[in-house]
Amino acid sequence: MLAAAVHGRADILVTDDRRAFPPECVRESLSVRTGDEFLNWVADRSMPLVMRTLARQIDYYRRSLVAEDKDAVELIAHLRKAGASRFADRLENHLADPSGR
């Protein structure tokens, strides 16, 4: 995976296995982040983009499953279960107060 990232001139490598990519093995211009860190990095740069994507995910989620009661709360719970707990907290806080106060 590291070779592909370097060959593809990636700026960020997203993995939850940081032990496989110690700093001495990663070039300076390549940032290694967990999924949670990456999602928060994206949110730092464009929360409106994140919220539009969340709305599309919820729509897809509802259409692809039998139950119609799928919503942001359940999707956020899945993010938390997948290891993106800080990002899930951030989405919950944003949905509670979209102004960011």
PDB file of N, CA and C in Angstrom:
ATOM      1  N   MET A   1       0.826  -1.182   0.000  1.00  0.00           N
ATOM      2  CA  MET A   1       0.000   0.000   0.000  1.00  0.00           C
ATOM      3  C   MET A   1       0.880   1.259   0.000  1.00  0.00           C
ATOM      4  N   LEU A   2       1.976   1.229   0.744  1.00  0.00           N
ATOM      5  CA  LEU A   2       2.872   2.386   0.783  1.00  0.00           C
ATOM      6  C   LEU A   2       3.470   2.649  -0.594  1.00  0.00           C
ATOM      7  N   ALA A   3       3.881   1.596  -1.269  1.00  0.00           N
ATOM      8  CA  ALA A   3       4.460   1.764  -2.606  1.00  0.00           C
ATOM      9  C   ALA A   3       3.444   2.393  -3.558  1.00  0.00           C
ATOM     10  N   ALA A   4       2.200   1.958  -3.489  1.00  0.00           N
ATOM     11  CA  ALA A   4       1.155   2.521  -4.346  1.00  0.00           C
ATOM     12  C   ALA A   4       0.929   3.991  -4.011  1.00  0.00           C
ATOM     13  N   ALA A   5       0.938   4.340  -2.726  1.00  0.00           N
ATOM     14  CA  ALA A   5       0.747   5.739  -2.319  1.00  0.00           C
ATOM     15  C   ALA A   5       1.886   6.608  -2.828  1.00  0.00           C
ATOM     16  N   VAL A   6       3.098   6.123  -2.698  1.00  0.00           N
ATOM     17  CA  VAL A   6       4.264   6.886  -3.164  1.00  0.00           C
ATOM     18  C   VAL A   6       4.240   6.993  -4.681  1.00  0.00           C
ATOM     19  N   HIS A   7       4.015   5.875  -5.363  1.00  0.00           N
ATOM     20  CA  HIS A   7       3.985   5.879  -6.831  1.00  0.00           C
ATOM     21  C   HIS A   7       2.859   6.773  -7.363  1.00  0.00           C
ATOM     22  N   GLY A   8       1.733   6.761  -6.677  1.00  0.00           N
ATOM     23  CA  GLY A   8       0.598   7.584  -7.089  1.00  0.00           C
ATOM     24  C   GLY A   8       0.691   9.022  -6.612  1.00  0.00           C
ATOM     25  N   ARG A   9       1.786   9.353  -5.928  1.00  0.00           N
ATOM     26  CA  ARG A   9       2.031  10.702  -5.406  1.00  0.00           C
ATOM     27  C   ARG A   9       0.909  11.193  -4.492  1.00  0.00           C
ATOM     28  N   ALA A  10       0.429  10.265  -3.664  1.00  0.00           N
ATOM     29  CA  ALA A  10      -0.626  10.609  -2.705  1.00  0.00           C
ATOM     30  C   ALA A  10      -0.067  11.552  -1.645  1.00  0.00           C
ATOM     31  N   ASP A  11      -0.921  12.397  -1.139  1.00  0.00           N
ATOM     32  CA  ASP A  11      -0.553  13.287  -0.043  1.00  0.00           C
ATOM     33  C   ASP A  11      -0.920  12.688   1.306  1.00  0.00           C
ATOM     34  N   ILE A  12      -1.963  11.852   1.306  1.00  0.00           N
ATOM     35  CA  ILE A  12      -2.463  11.267   2.546  1.00  0.00           C
ATOM     36  C   ILE A  12      -2.697   9.773   2.344  1.00  0.00           C
ATOM     37  N   LEU A  13      -2.266   8.993   3.316  1.00  0.00           N
ATOM     38  CA  LEU A  13      -2.516   7.562   3.346  1.00  0.00           C
ATOM     39  C   LEU A  13      -3.446   7.313   4.530  1.00  0.00           C
ATOM     40  N   VAL A  14      -4.628   6.759   4.269  1.00  0.00           N
ATOM     41  CA  VAL A  14      -5.616   6.535   5.323  1.00  0.00           C
ATOM     42  C   VAL A  14      -5.587   5.066   5.718  1.00  0.00           C
ATOM     43  N   THR A  15      -5.271   4.819   6.987  1.00  0.00           N
ATOM     44  CA  THR A  15      -5.208   3.458   7.519  1.00  0.00           C
ATOM     45  C   THR A  15      -5.373   3.496   9.034  1.00  0.00           C
ATOM     46  N   ASP A  16      -5.960   2.449   9.558  1.00  0.00           N
ATOM     47  CA  ASP A  16      -6.033   2.334  11.012  1.00  0.00           C
ATOM     48  C   ASP A  16      -4.881   1.491  11.550  1.00  0.00           C
ATOM     49  N   ASP A  17      -3.994   1.072  10.662  1.00  0.00           N
ATOM     50  CA  ASP A  17      -2.819   0.282  11.058  1.00  0.00           C
ATOM     51  C   ASP A  17      -1.564   1.140  10.939  1.00  0.00           C
ATOM     52  N   ARG A  18      -1.438   2.107  11.827  1.00  0.00           N
ATOM     53  CA  ARG A  18      -0.278   3.009  11.778  1.00  0.00           C
ATOM     54  C   ARG A  18       1.037   2.290  12.034  1.00  0.00           C
ATOM     55  N   ARG A  19       0.990   1.184  12.769  1.00  0.00           N
ATOM     56  CA  ARG A  19       2.230   0.458  13.065  1.00  0.00           C
ATOM     57  C   ARG A  19       2.905  -0.035  11.784  1.00  0.00           C
ATOM     58  N   ALA A  20       2.135  -0.259  10.745  1.00  0.00           N
ATOM     59  CA  ALA A  20       2.698  -0.726   9.472  1.00  0.00           C
ATOM     60  C   ALA A  20       3.394   0.396   8.714  1.00  0.00           C
ATOM     61  N   PHE A  21       3.218   1.647   9.172  1.00  0.00           N
ATOM     62  CA  PHE A  21       3.779   2.794   8.465  1.00  0.00           C
ATOM     63  C   PHE A  21       4.492   3.732   9.432  1.00  0.00           C
ATOM     64  N   PRO A  22       5.605   3.272  10.025  1.00  0.00           N
ATOM     65  CA  PRO A  22       6.332   4.141  10.958  1.00  0.00           C
ATOM     66  C   PRO A  22       6.917   5.349  10.219  1.00  0.00           C
ATOM     67  N   PRO A  23       7.108   6.453  10.939  1.00  0.00           N
ATOM     68  CA  PRO A  23       7.587   7.692  10.295  1.00  0.00           C
ATOM     69  C   PRO A  23       8.848   7.504   9.449  1.00  0.00           C
ATOM     70  N   GLU A  24       9.758   6.630   9.869  1.00  0.00           N
ATOM     71  CA  GLU A  24      11.000   6.454   9.104  1.00  0.00           C
ATOM     72  C   GLU A  24      10.776   5.769   7.764  1.00  0.00           C
ATOM     73  N   CYS A  25       9.606   5.158   7.562  1.00  0.00           N
ATOM     74  CA  CYS A  25       9.293   4.482   6.299  1.00  0.00           C
ATOM     75  C   CYS A  25       8.441   5.331   5.365  1.00  0.00           C
ATOM     76  N   VAL A  26       7.988   6.462   5.848  1.00  0.00           N
ATOM     77  CA  VAL A  26       7.067   7.294   5.080  1.00  0.00           C
ATOM     78  C   VAL A  26       7.767   8.597   4.709  1.00  0.00           C
ATOM     79  N   ARG A  27       7.674   8.958   3.445  1.00  0.00           N
ATOM     80  CA  ARG A  27       8.317  10.199   3.014  1.00  0.00           C
ATOM     81  C   ARG A  27       7.648  11.403   3.675  1.00  0.00           C
ATOM     82  N   GLU A  28       8.390  12.485   3.786  1.00  0.00           N
ATOM     83  CA  GLU A  28       7.915  13.678   4.484  1.00  0.00           C
ATOM     84  C   GLU A  28       6.620  14.244   3.918  1.00  0.00           C
ATOM     85  N   SER A  29       6.430  14.150   2.622  1.00  0.00           N
ATOM     86  CA  SER A  29       5.246  14.755   2.012  1.00  0.00           C
ATOM     87  C   SER A  29       4.006  13.862   2.090  1.00  0.00           C
ATOM     88  N   LEU A  30       4.117  12.693   2.703  1.00  0.00           N
ATOM     89  CA  LEU A  30       2.986  11.774   2.833  1.00  0.00           C
ATOM     90  C   LEU A  30       2.541  11.733   4.292  1.00  0.00           C
ATOM     91  N   SER A  31       1.313  12.098   4.513  1.00  0.00           N
ATOM     92  CA  SER A  31       0.736  12.090   5.851  1.00  0.00           C
ATOM     93  C   SER A  31      -0.039  10.794   6.054  1.00  0.00           C
ATOM     94  N   VAL A  32       0.200  10.113   7.167  1.00  0.00           N
ATOM     95  CA  VAL A  32      -0.523   8.889   7.493  1.00  0.00           C
ATOM     96  C   VAL A  32      -1.557   9.236   8.562  1.00  0.00           C
ATOM     97  N   ARG A  33      -2.833   8.949   8.263  1.00  0.00           N
ATOM     98  CA  ARG A  33      -3.921   9.298   9.179  1.00  0.00           C
ATOM     99  C   ARG A  33      -4.875   8.123   9.333  1.00  0.00           C
ATOM    100  N   THR A  34      -5.519   8.075  10.473  1.00  0.00           N
ATOM    101  CA  THR A  34      -6.586   7.092  10.659  1.00  0.00           C
ATOM    102  C   THR A  34      -7.811   7.587   9.901  1.00  0.00           C
ATOM    103  N   GLY A  35      -8.795   6.726   9.732  1.00  0.00           N
ATOM    104  CA  GLY A  35     -10.033   7.139   9.081  1.00  0.00           C
ATOM    105  C   GLY A  35     -10.690   8.288   9.825  1.00  0.00           C
ATOM    106  N   ASP A  36     -10.705   8.203  11.154  1.00  0.00           N
ATOM    107  CA  ASP A  36     -11.297   9.257  11.975  1.00  0.00           C
ATOM    108  C   ASP A  36     -10.555  10.579  11.786  1.00  0.00           C
ATOM    109  N   GLU A  37      -9.235  10.529  11.789  1.00  0.00           N
ATOM    110  CA  GLU A  37      -8.445  11.753  11.577  1.00  0.00           C
ATOM    111  C   GLU A  37      -8.703  12.339  10.193  1.00  0.00           C
ATOM    112  N   PHE A  38      -8.776  11.486   9.184  1.00  0.00           N
ATOM    113  CA  PHE A  38      -9.013  11.968   7.824  1.00  0.00           C
ATOM    114  C   PHE A  38     -10.376  12.631   7.699  1.00  0.00           C
ATOM    115  N   LEU A  39     -11.413  11.987   8.235  1.00  0.00           N
ATOM    116  CA  LEU A  39     -12.755  12.568   8.152  1.00  0.00           C
ATOM    117  C   LEU A  39     -12.819  13.915   8.859  1.00  0.00           C
ATOM    118  N   ASN A  40     -12.145  14.039   9.996  1.00  0.00           N
ATOM    119  CA  ASN A  40     -12.105  15.325  10.692  1.00  0.00           C
ATOM    120  C   ASN A  40     -11.305  16.356   9.909  1.00  0.00           C
ATOM    121  N   TRP A  41     -10.261  15.924   9.237  1.00  0.00           N
ATOM    122  CA  TRP A  41      -9.460  16.825   8.400  1.00  0.00           C
ATOM    123  C   TRP A  41     -10.329  17.389   7.278  1.00  0.00           C
ATOM    124  N   VAL A  42     -11.143  16.518   6.663  1.00  0.00           N
ATOM    125  CA  VAL A  42     -12.050  16.975   5.608  1.00  0.00           C
ATOM    126  C   VAL A  42     -13.065  17.959   6.188  1.00  0.00           C
ATOM    127  N   ALA A  43     -13.628  17.626   7.349  1.00  0.00           N
ATOM    128  CA  ALA A  43     -14.621  18.507   7.982  1.00  0.00           C
ATOM    129  C   ALA A  43     -14.021  19.861   8.338  1.00  0.00           C
ATOM    130  N   ASP A  44     -12.761  19.881   8.751  1.00  0.00           N
ATOM    131  CA  ASP A  44     -12.082  21.154   9.052  1.00  0.00           C
ATOM    132  C   ASP A  44     -12.050  22.050   7.824  1.00  0.00           C
ATOM    133  N   ARG A  45     -11.937  21.461   6.664  1.00  0.00           N
ATOM    134  CA  ARG A  45     -11.806  22.227   5.433  1.00  0.00           C
ATOM    135  C   ARG A  45     -13.147  22.571   4.786  1.00  0.00           C
ATOM    136  N   SER A  46     -14.165  21.708   5.007  1.00  0.00           N
ATOM    137  CA  SER A  46     -15.457  21.985   4.377  1.00  0.00           C
ATOM    138  C   SER A  46     -16.600  21.227   5.049  1.00  0.00           C
ATOM    139  N   MET A  47     -17.085  21.777   6.139  1.00  0.00           N
ATOM    140  CA  MET A  47     -18.220  21.152   6.814  1.00  0.00           C
ATOM    141  C   MET A  47     -19.464  21.134   5.921  1.00  0.00           C
ATOM    142  N   PRO A  48     -19.704  22.165   5.089  1.00  0.00           N
ATOM    143  CA  PRO A  48     -20.851  22.070   4.174  1.00  0.00           C
ATOM    144  C   PRO A  48     -20.762  20.855   3.241  1.00  0.00           C
ATOM    145  N   LEU A  49     -19.577  20.549   2.761  1.00  0.00           N
ATOM    146  CA  LEU A  49     -19.388  19.362   1.925  1.00  0.00           C
ATOM    147  C   LEU A  49     -19.713  18.099   2.723  1.00  0.00           C
ATOM    148  N   VAL A  50     -19.246  18.040   3.950  1.00  0.00           N
ATOM    149  CA  VAL A  50     -19.516  16.881   4.806  1.00  0.00           C
ATOM    150  C   VAL A  50     -21.019  16.719   5.017  1.00  0.00           C
ATOM    151  N   MET A  51     -21.726  17.810   5.276  1.00  0.00           N
ATOM    152  CA  MET A  51     -23.159  17.726   5.532  1.00  0.00           C
ATOM    153  C   MET A  51     -23.930  17.329   4.270  1.00  0.00           C
ATOM    154  N   ARG A  52     -23.507  17.814   3.093  1.00  0.00           N
ATOM    155  CA  ARG A  52     -24.146  17.385   1.836  1.00  0.00           C
ATOM    156  C   ARG A  52     -23.927  15.890   1.610  1.00  0.00           C
ATOM    157  N   THR A  53     -22.720  15.436   1.897  1.00  0.00           N
ATOM    158  CA  THR A  53     -22.393  14.024   1.733  1.00  0.00           C
ATOM    159  C   THR A  53     -23.175  13.173   2.721  1.00  0.00           C
ATOM    160  N   LEU A  54     -23.320  13.642   3.939  1.00  0.00           N
ATOM    161  CA  LEU A  54     -24.115  12.935   4.940  1.00  0.00           C
ATOM    162  C   LEU A  54     -25.560  12.794   4.465  1.00  0.00           C
ATOM    163  N   ALA A  55     -26.116  13.859   3.919  1.00  0.00           N
ATOM    164  CA  ALA A  55     -27.493  13.808   3.412  1.00  0.00           C
ATOM    165  C   ALA A  55     -27.619  12.789   2.279  1.00  0.00           C
ATOM    166  N   ARG A  56     -26.636  12.748   1.378  1.00  0.00           N
ATOM    167  CA  ARG A  56     -26.659  11.764   0.282  1.00  0.00           C
ATOM    168  C   ARG A  56     -26.522  10.345   0.821  1.00  0.00           C
ATOM    169  N   GLN A  57     -25.669  10.167   1.842  1.00  0.00           N
ATOM    170  CA  GLN A  57     -25.496   8.842   2.445  1.00  0.00           C
ATOM    171  C   GLN A  57     -26.789   8.370   3.102  1.00  0.00           C
ATOM    172  N   ILE A  58     -27.468   9.264   3.797  1.00  0.00           N
ATOM    173  CA  ILE A  58     -28.728   8.907   4.443  1.00  0.00           C
ATOM    174  C   ILE A  58     -29.758   8.515   3.387  1.00  0.00           C
ATOM    175  N   ASP A  59     -29.814   9.271   2.299  1.00  0.00           N
ATOM    176  CA  ASP A  59     -30.737   8.956   1.210  1.00  0.00           C
ATOM    177  C   ASP A  59     -30.427   7.573   0.638  1.00  0.00           C
ATOM    178  N   TYR A  60     -29.153   7.310   0.374  1.00  0.00           N
ATOM    179  CA  TYR A  60     -28.749   5.994  -0.136  1.00  0.00           C
ATOM    180  C   TYR A  60     -29.090   4.901   0.873  1.00  0.00           C
ATOM    181  N   TYR A  61     -28.792   5.167   2.121  1.00  0.00           N
ATOM    182  CA  TYR A  61     -29.031   4.233   3.216  1.00  0.00           C
ATOM    183  C   TYR A  61     -30.510   3.853   3.266  1.00  0.00           C
ATOM    184  N   ARG A  62     -31.370   4.826   3.146  1.00  0.00           N
ATOM    185  CA  ARG A  62     -32.825   4.580   3.183  1.00  0.00           C
ATOM    186  C   ARG A  62     -33.291   3.781   1.976  1.00  0.00           C
ATOM    187  N   ARG A  63     -32.754   4.098   0.796  1.00  0.00           N
ATOM    188  CA  ARG A  63     -33.177   3.410  -0.426  1.00  0.00           C
ATOM    189  C   ARG A  63     -32.656   1.982  -0.500  1.00  0.00           C
ATOM    190  N   SER A  64     -31.506   1.711   0.105  1.00  0.00           N
ATOM    191  CA  SER A  64     -30.893   0.389  -0.041  1.00  0.00           C
ATOM    192  C   SER A  64     -31.325  -0.608   1.027  1.00  0.00           C
ATOM    193  N   LEU A  65     -32.026  -0.157   2.046  1.00  0.00           N
ATOM    194  CA  LEU A  65     -32.478  -1.042   3.114  1.00  0.00           C
ATOM    195  C   LEU A  65     -33.996  -1.069   3.166  1.00  0.00           C
ATOM    196  N   VAL A  66     -34.531  -2.119   3.702  1.00  0.00           N
ATOM    197  CA  VAL A  66     -35.976  -2.275   3.769  1.00  0.00           C
ATOM    198  C   VAL A  66     -36.598  -1.256   4.716  1.00  0.00           C
ATOM    199  N   ALA A  67     -35.993  -1.053   5.864  1.00  0.00           N
ATOM    200  CA  ALA A  67     -36.571  -0.152   6.857  1.00  0.00           C
ATOM    201  C   ALA A  67     -36.497   1.294   6.395  1.00  0.00           C
ATOM    202  N   GLU A  68     -37.557   2.024   6.618  1.00  0.00           N
ATOM    203  CA  GLU A  68     -37.622   3.432   6.220  1.00  0.00           C
ATOM    204  C   GLU A  68     -37.174   4.375   7.335  1.00  0.00           C
ATOM    205  N   ASP A  69     -36.922   3.828   8.516  1.00  0.00           N
ATOM    206  CA  ASP A  69     -36.614   4.689   9.651  1.00  0.00           C
ATOM    207  C   ASP A  69     -35.121   4.959   9.819  1.00  0.00           C
ATOM    208  N   LYS A  70     -34.354   4.737   8.797  1.00  0.00           N
ATOM    209  CA  LYS A  70     -32.919   5.002   8.864  1.00  0.00           C
ATOM    210  C   LYS A  70     -32.697   6.501   8.817  1.00  0.00           C
ATOM    211  N   ASP A  71     -31.856   6.989   9.706  1.00  0.00           N
ATOM    212  CA  ASP A  71     -31.633   8.433   9.771  1.00  0.00           C
ATOM    213  C   ASP A  71     -30.193   8.738  10.145  1.00  0.00           C
ATOM    214  N   ALA A  72     -29.909  10.015  10.339  1.00  0.00           N
ATOM    215  CA  ALA A  72     -28.554  10.455  10.662  1.00  0.00           C
ATOM    216  C   ALA A  72     -28.059   9.823  11.950  1.00  0.00           C
ATOM    217  N   VAL A  73     -28.931   9.674  12.927  1.00  0.00           N
ATOM    218  CA  VAL A  73     -28.521   9.113  14.219  1.00  0.00           C
ATOM    219  C   VAL A  73     -27.973   7.699  14.038  1.00  0.00           C
ATOM    220  N   GLU A  74     -28.678   6.894  13.262  1.00  0.00           N
ATOM    221  CA  GLU A  74     -28.219   5.524  13.050  1.00  0.00           C
ATOM    222  C   GLU A  74     -26.943   5.486  12.203  1.00  0.00           C
ATOM    223  N   LEU A  75     -26.863   6.317  11.188  1.00  0.00           N
ATOM    224  CA  LEU A  75     -25.655   6.370  10.369  1.00  0.00           C
ATOM    225  C   LEU A  75     -24.456   6.815  11.198  1.00  0.00           C
ATOM    226  N   ILE A  76     -24.661   7.790  12.057  1.00  0.00           N
ATOM    227  CA  ILE A  76     -23.584   8.263  12.938  1.00  0.00           C
ATOM    228  C   ILE A  76     -23.162   7.146  13.897  1.00  0.00           C
ATOM    229  N   ALA A  77     -24.110   6.360  14.371  1.00  0.00           N
ATOM    230  CA  ALA A  77     -23.772   5.224  15.243  1.00  0.00           C
ATOM    231  C   ALA A  77     -22.879   4.225  14.510  1.00  0.00           C
ATOM    232  N   HIS A  78     -23.139   4.026  13.222  1.00  0.00           N
ATOM    233  CA  HIS A  78     -22.293   3.131  12.419  1.00  0.00           C
ATOM    234  C   HIS A  78     -20.882   3.711  12.261  1.00  0.00           C
ATOM    235  N   LEU A  79     -20.779   5.009  12.085  1.00  0.00           N
ATOM    236  CA  LEU A  79     -19.456   5.642  12.001  1.00  0.00           C
ATOM    237  C   LEU A  79     -18.689   5.427  13.305  1.00  0.00           C
ATOM    238  N   ARG A  80     -19.368   5.604  14.414  1.00  0.00           N
ATOM    239  CA  ARG A  80     -18.738   5.417  15.721  1.00  0.00           C
ATOM    240  C   ARG A  80     -18.266   3.965  15.879  1.00  0.00           C
ATOM    241  N   LYS A  81     -19.117   3.028  15.504  1.00  0.00           N
ATOM    242  CA  LYS A  81     -18.789   1.603  15.606  1.00  0.00           C
ATOM    243  C   LYS A  81     -17.593   1.248  14.717  1.00  0.00           C
ATOM    244  N   ALA A  82     -17.452   1.955  13.590  1.00  0.00           N
ATOM    245  CA  ALA A  82     -16.348   1.697  12.659  1.00  0.00           C
ATOM    246  C   ALA A  82     -15.041   2.345  13.108  1.00  0.00           C
ATOM    247  N   GLY A  83     -15.072   3.063  14.226  1.00  0.00           N
ATOM    248  CA  GLY A  83     -13.837   3.650  14.754  1.00  0.00           C
ATOM    249  C   GLY A  83     -13.683   5.135  14.530  1.00  0.00           C
ATOM    250  N   ALA A  84     -14.681   5.776  13.960  1.00  0.00           N
ATOM    251  CA  ALA A  84     -14.612   7.222  13.708  1.00  0.00           C
ATOM    252  C   ALA A  84     -15.402   7.969  14.787  1.00  0.00           C
ATOM    253  N   SER A  85     -15.056   7.736  16.038  1.00  0.00           N
ATOM    254  CA  SER A  85     -15.839   8.289  17.146  1.00  0.00           C
ATOM    255  C   SER A  85     -15.752   9.811  17.243  1.00  0.00           C
ATOM    256  N   ARG A  86     -14.578  10.375  17.032  1.00  0.00           N
ATOM    257  CA  ARG A  86     -14.466  11.850  17.092  1.00  0.00           C
ATOM    258  C   ARG A  86     -15.268  12.505  15.980  1.00  0.00           C
ATOM    259  N   PHE A  87     -15.233  11.920  14.794  1.00  0.00           N
ATOM    260  CA  PHE A  87     -15.997  12.449  13.667  1.00  0.00           C
ATOM    261  C   PHE A  87     -17.494  12.300  13.934  1.00  0.00           C
ATOM    262  N   ALA A  88     -17.908  11.159  14.489  1.00  0.00           N
ATOM    263  CA  ALA A  88     -19.314  10.945  14.828  1.00  0.00           C
ATOM    264  C   ALA A  88     -19.776  11.992  15.848  1.00  0.00           C
ATOM    265  N   ASP A  89     -18.954  12.247  16.862  1.00  0.00           N
ATOM    266  CA  ASP A  89     -19.282  13.283  17.850  1.00  0.00           C
ATOM    267  C   ASP A  89     -19.434  14.640  17.173  1.00  0.00           C
ATOM    268  N   ARG A  90     -18.539  14.907  16.262  1.00  0.00           N
ATOM    269  CA  ARG A  90     -18.568  16.194  15.559  1.00  0.00           C
ATOM    270  C   ARG A  90     -19.854  16.351  14.737  1.00  0.00           C
ATOM    271  N   LEU A  91     -20.263  15.287  14.046  1.00  0.00           N
ATOM    272  CA  LEU A  91     -21.507  15.348  13.280  1.00  0.00           C
ATOM    273  C   LEU A  91     -22.706  15.553  14.194  1.00  0.00           C
ATOM    274  N   GLU A  92     -22.737  14.830  15.301  1.00  0.00           N
ATOM    275  CA  GLU A  92     -23.840  15.007  16.261  1.00  0.00           C
ATOM    276  C   GLU A  92     -23.909  16.447  16.758  1.00  0.00           C
ATOM    277  N   ASN A  93     -22.764  16.995  17.112  1.00  0.00           N
ATOM    278  CA  ASN A  93     -22.725  18.379  17.593  1.00  0.00           C
ATOM    279  C   ASN A  93     -23.166  19.353  16.508  1.00  0.00           C
ATOM    280  N   HIS A  94     -22.740  19.113  15.290  1.00  0.00           N
ATOM    281  CA  HIS A  94     -23.115  20.008  14.189  1.00  0.00           C
ATOM    282  C   HIS A  94     -24.609  19.928  13.896  1.00  0.00           C
ATOM    283  N   LEU A  95     -25.156  18.732  13.937  1.00  0.00           N
ATOM    284  CA  LEU A  95     -26.594  18.578  13.696  1.00  0.00           C
ATOM    285  C   LEU A  95     -27.407  19.242  14.820  1.00  0.00           C
ATOM    286  N   ALA A  96     -26.880  19.209  16.041  1.00  0.00           N
ATOM    287  CA  ALA A  96     -27.558  19.833  17.171  1.00  0.00           C
ATOM    288  C   ALA A  96     -27.490  21.346  17.088  1.00  0.00           C
ATOM    289  N   ASP A  97     -26.368  21.870  16.556  1.00  0.00           N
ATOM    290  CA  ASP A  97     -26.169  23.317  16.450  1.00  0.00           C
ATOM    291  C   ASP A  97     -25.419  23.631  15.166  1.00  0.00           C
ATOM    292  N   PRO A  98     -26.113  23.692  14.021  1.00  0.00           N
ATOM    293  CA  PRO A  98     -25.460  23.929  12.732  1.00  0.00           C
ATOM    294  C   PRO A  98     -24.653  25.223  12.654  1.00  0.00           C
ATOM    295  N   SER A  99     -24.937  26.174  13.532  1.00  0.00           N
ATOM    296  CA  SER A  99     -24.191  27.440  13.505  1.00  0.00           C
ATOM    297  C   SER A  99     -22.788  27.277  14.059  1.00  0.00           C
ATOM    298  N   GLY A 100     -22.524  26.159  14.764  1.00  0.00           N
ATOM    299  CA  GLY A 100     -21.200  25.918  15.298  1.00  0.00           C
ATOM    300  C   GLY A 100     -20.909  26.616  16.600  1.00  0.00           C
ATOM    301  N   ARG A 101     -21.928  27.147  17.254  1.00  0.00           N
ATOM    302  CA  ARG A 101     -21.719  27.842  18.529  1.00  0.00           C
ATOM    303  C   ARG A 101     -21.584  26.916  19.680  1.00  0.00           C
TER     304      ARG A 101
END
